[in-house]
Amino acid sequence: MKIVIGQPKLEDGLLQLEKELMDNDADILLFPEGYLNQNVDQARELAARYGTMIVSGHRRLNERPKDRSIVIDPKGKIVLEKAKYTPAEAVEEQGWRISTLLCDELVLQGFENEEIGKVDILMHSIGVGMFSEEQYEEWLEAARGIAVKNGCPRYGVKPWRRLLSRF
């Protein structure tokens, strides 16, 4: 499985997302929480056009909590959408059990939901700004613990770097 992890600048549209889809033959594209904003329909169209799963986050401004994680399958269908600070959910895609965590869910609530069991891939789409190297290390350590508990492959990525990995 080939995963592209992007750290774009916030924008009104999805130009950076589309560029990554054009430039990379990936199975999954992970973009930060809040990047999609109100452009979910456009993201669905791009996922279908390029046949790539998109994992990211968006906001429903009239709801609380407003922040949501989202998984869009390669056909453009929303297969998982979860409000921040709600119990974990998982979806089976491309032979993998995938789940998500948003931003500080990682340290405030961890990854807990006995109903879904273990997952193969846990995607953590943090927002565009980590506040310090110490915070990054704290969050990375929490992520490692969750990954070990679930038997997930794990990668630590500096939030300002782009990673292309295979596993």
Protein backbone atom coordinates (compact mmCIF):
# COMPACT_ATOMS: atom_id res chain seq x y z
CA MET A 1 0.00 0.00 0.00
CA LYS A 2 1.33 3.41 -0.95
CA ILE A 3 0.38 6.33 1.30
CA VAL A 4 1.08 10.01 0.64
CA ILE A 5 1.01 12.27 3.69
CA GLY A 6 0.58 15.93 2.78
CA GLN A 7 1.04 19.07 4.83
CA PRO A 8 -0.52 21.76 2.65
CA LYS A 9 -1.16 25.38 3.39
CA LEU A 10 -4.78 26.26 4.12
CA GLU A 11 -6.59 27.38 0.97
CA ASP A 12 -10.14 28.05 -0.23
CA GLY A 13 -10.12 25.25 -2.79
CA LEU A 14 -8.36 21.91 -3.06
CA LEU A 15 -5.56 22.76 -5.51
CA GLN A 16 -2.80 21.21 -3.40
CA LEU A 17 -4.81 18.03 -2.86
CA GLU A 18 -5.43 17.70 -6.59
CA LYS A 19 -1.75 18.29 -7.36
CA GLU A 20 -0.75 15.48 -4.98
CA LEU A 21 -3.30 13.18 -6.60
CA MET A 22 -1.94 14.02 -10.07
CA ASP A 23 1.71 13.67 -9.04
CA ASN A 24 1.46 10.44 -7.05
CA ASP A 25 0.04 7.04 -7.80
CA ALA A 26 -1.05 6.43 -4.22
CA ASP A 27 -3.61 4.18 -2.57
CA ILE A 28 -4.29 6.65 0.25
CA LEU A 29 -3.77 10.39 0.52
CA LEU A 30 -3.73 11.72 4.11
CA PHE A 31 -4.28 15.47 4.49
CA PRO A 32 -4.65 17.45 7.73
CA GLU A 33 -7.72 18.01 9.82
CA GLY A 34 -9.66 21.03 8.60
CA TYR A 35 -8.08 21.10 5.13
CA LEU A 36 -11.21 20.08 3.24
CA ASN A 37 -13.37 22.67 5.02
CA GLN A 38 -16.59 22.97 3.02
CA ASN A 39 -15.12 21.22 -0.05
CA VAL A 40 -16.16 17.65 0.74
CA ASP A 41 -18.12 17.20 -2.51
CA GLN A 42 -15.11 18.34 -4.53
CA ALA A 43 -12.87 15.94 -2.55
CA ARG A 44 -15.27 13.11 -3.34
CA GLU A 45 -15.08 13.93 -7.05
CA LEU A 46 -11.26 14.01 -6.91
CA ALA A 47 -11.08 10.68 -5.06
CA ALA A 48 -13.23 9.07 -7.76
CA ARG A 49 -11.37 10.73 -10.63
CA TYR A 50 -7.96 9.56 -9.40
CA GLY A 51 -9.09 6.29 -7.78
CA THR A 52 -7.44 7.23 -4.48
CA MET A 53 -8.76 7.01 -0.93
CA ILE A 54 -8.66 10.39 0.84
CA VAL A 55 -8.39 10.60 4.63
CA SER A 56 -8.68 14.08 6.07
CA GLY A 57 -10.88 16.30 8.15
CA HIS A 58 -13.46 18.98 7.55
CA ARG A 59 -15.79 21.24 9.46
CA ARG A 60 -19.53 21.48 9.76
CA LEU A 61 -19.69 25.04 10.98
CA ASN A 62 -23.29 24.87 12.24
CA GLU A 63 -22.75 21.75 14.37
CA ARG A 64 -20.91 21.04 17.63
CA PRO A 65 -18.41 19.56 17.62
CA LYS A 66 -17.72 21.11 14.24
CA ASP A 67 -14.54 19.15 13.42
CA ARG A 68 -14.92 15.78 11.68
CA SER A 69 -12.60 13.13 10.36
CA ILE A 70 -13.54 11.70 7.01
CA VAL A 71 -12.54 8.74 4.86
CA ILE A 72 -13.53 8.87 1.19
CA ASP A 73 -13.06 5.64 -0.75
CA PRO A 74 -11.49 5.48 -4.26
CA LYS A 75 -14.98 5.63 -5.81
CA GLY A 76 -15.76 8.93 -4.05
CA LYS A 77 -18.09 7.49 -1.41
CA ILE A 78 -17.83 8.68 2.21
CA VAL A 79 -17.20 5.46 4.11
CA LEU A 80 -16.40 6.98 7.52
CA GLU A 81 -17.24 10.33 9.05
CA LYS A 82 -16.70 10.89 12.76
CA ALA A 83 -17.18 13.95 14.94
CA LYS A 84 -14.23 14.95 17.10
CA TYR A 85 -14.27 13.54 20.67
CA THR A 86 -16.69 10.74 19.84
CA PRO A 87 -15.81 7.03 20.18
CA ALA A 88 -13.51 5.54 17.57
CA GLU A 89 -14.96 4.01 14.42
CA ALA A 90 -13.36 1.82 11.77
CA VAL A 91 -13.97 0.94 8.16
CA GLU A 92 -12.68 -1.94 6.05
CA GLU A 93 -11.11 -0.68 2.84
CA GLN A 94 -8.70 -2.33 0.42
CA GLY A 95 -8.33 -5.26 2.82
CA TRP A 96 -7.33 -3.05 5.76
CA ARG A 97 -9.26 -2.02 8.90
CA ILE A 98 -8.73 1.73 9.03
CA SER A 99 -9.61 4.25 11.71
CA THR A 100 -8.85 7.89 12.38
CA LEU A 101 -8.04 10.28 15.20
CA LEU A 102 -8.22 14.05 15.00
CA CYS A 103 -5.68 16.41 16.52
CA ASP A 104 -5.69 16.28 20.33
CA GLU A 105 -8.05 13.28 20.49
CA LEU A 106 -4.78 11.38 20.52
CA VAL A 107 -3.83 12.63 23.99
CA LEU A 108 -7.23 13.66 25.43
CA GLN A 109 -9.15 10.44 24.82
CA GLY A 110 -6.80 8.05 23.08
CA PHE A 111 -8.13 5.37 20.79
CA GLU A 112 -10.86 3.49 22.59
CA ASN A 113 -13.89 1.60 21.41
CA GLU A 114 -14.14 -2.08 22.24
CA GLU A 115 -16.90 -2.44 19.63
CA ILE A 116 -14.49 -2.07 16.69
CA GLY A 117 -11.62 -4.25 17.90
CA LYS A 118 -8.14 -3.84 16.51
CA VAL A 119 -7.29 -1.85 13.41
CA ASP A 120 -4.52 -2.23 10.82
CA ILE A 121 -4.05 1.46 10.07
CA LEU A 122 -4.76 4.37 12.38
CA MET A 123 -4.57 7.69 10.55
CA HIS A 124 -4.00 10.79 12.70
CA SER A 125 -4.71 13.89 10.63
CA ILE A 126 -3.45 16.66 12.89
CA GLY A 127 -4.12 20.27 11.95
CA VAL A 128 -1.63 22.47 10.19
CA GLY A 129 0.24 23.70 13.27
CA MET A 130 2.07 21.72 15.88
CA PHE A 131 3.00 24.14 18.61
CA SER A 132 6.42 22.85 19.61
CA GLU A 133 8.93 20.06 19.26
CA GLU A 134 7.95 18.90 22.77
CA GLN A 135 4.28 18.63 21.77
CA TYR A 136 5.26 16.67 18.68
CA GLU A 137 7.29 14.23 20.80
CA GLU A 138 4.42 13.83 23.32
CA TRP A 139 1.92 13.12 20.54
CA LEU A 140 4.31 10.79 18.72
CA GLU A 141 4.82 8.78 21.92
CA ALA A 142 1.03 8.53 22.43
CA ALA A 143 0.61 7.40 18.81
CA ARG A 144 3.33 4.76 19.20
CA GLY A 145 1.57 3.35 22.26
CA ILE A 146 -1.75 3.12 20.41
CA ALA A 147 -0.07 1.56 17.37
CA VAL A 148 1.73 -1.05 19.49
CA LYS A 149 -1.49 -1.92 21.32
CA ASN A 150 -3.25 -2.42 17.95
CA GLY A 151 -0.32 -4.05 16.14
CA CYS A 152 -0.33 -1.26 13.53
CA PRO A 153 2.66 -0.29 11.40
CA ARG A 154 3.91 3.07 12.67
CA TYR A 155 5.62 6.04 11.14
CA GLY A 156 6.55 9.28 12.81
CA VAL A 157 6.39 12.19 10.43
CA LYS A 158 7.39 15.73 11.19
CA PRO A 159 4.26 17.74 10.40
CA TRP A 160 6.10 19.99 7.98
CA ARG A 161 7.57 17.14 5.93
CA ARG A 162 5.97 15.03 3.26
CA LEU A 163 6.36 11.27 3.43
CA LEU A 164 5.84 8.73 0.73
CA SER A 165 5.97 5.25 2.23
CA ARG A 166 5.19 1.67 1.36
CA PHE A 167 4.37 -1.14 3.77
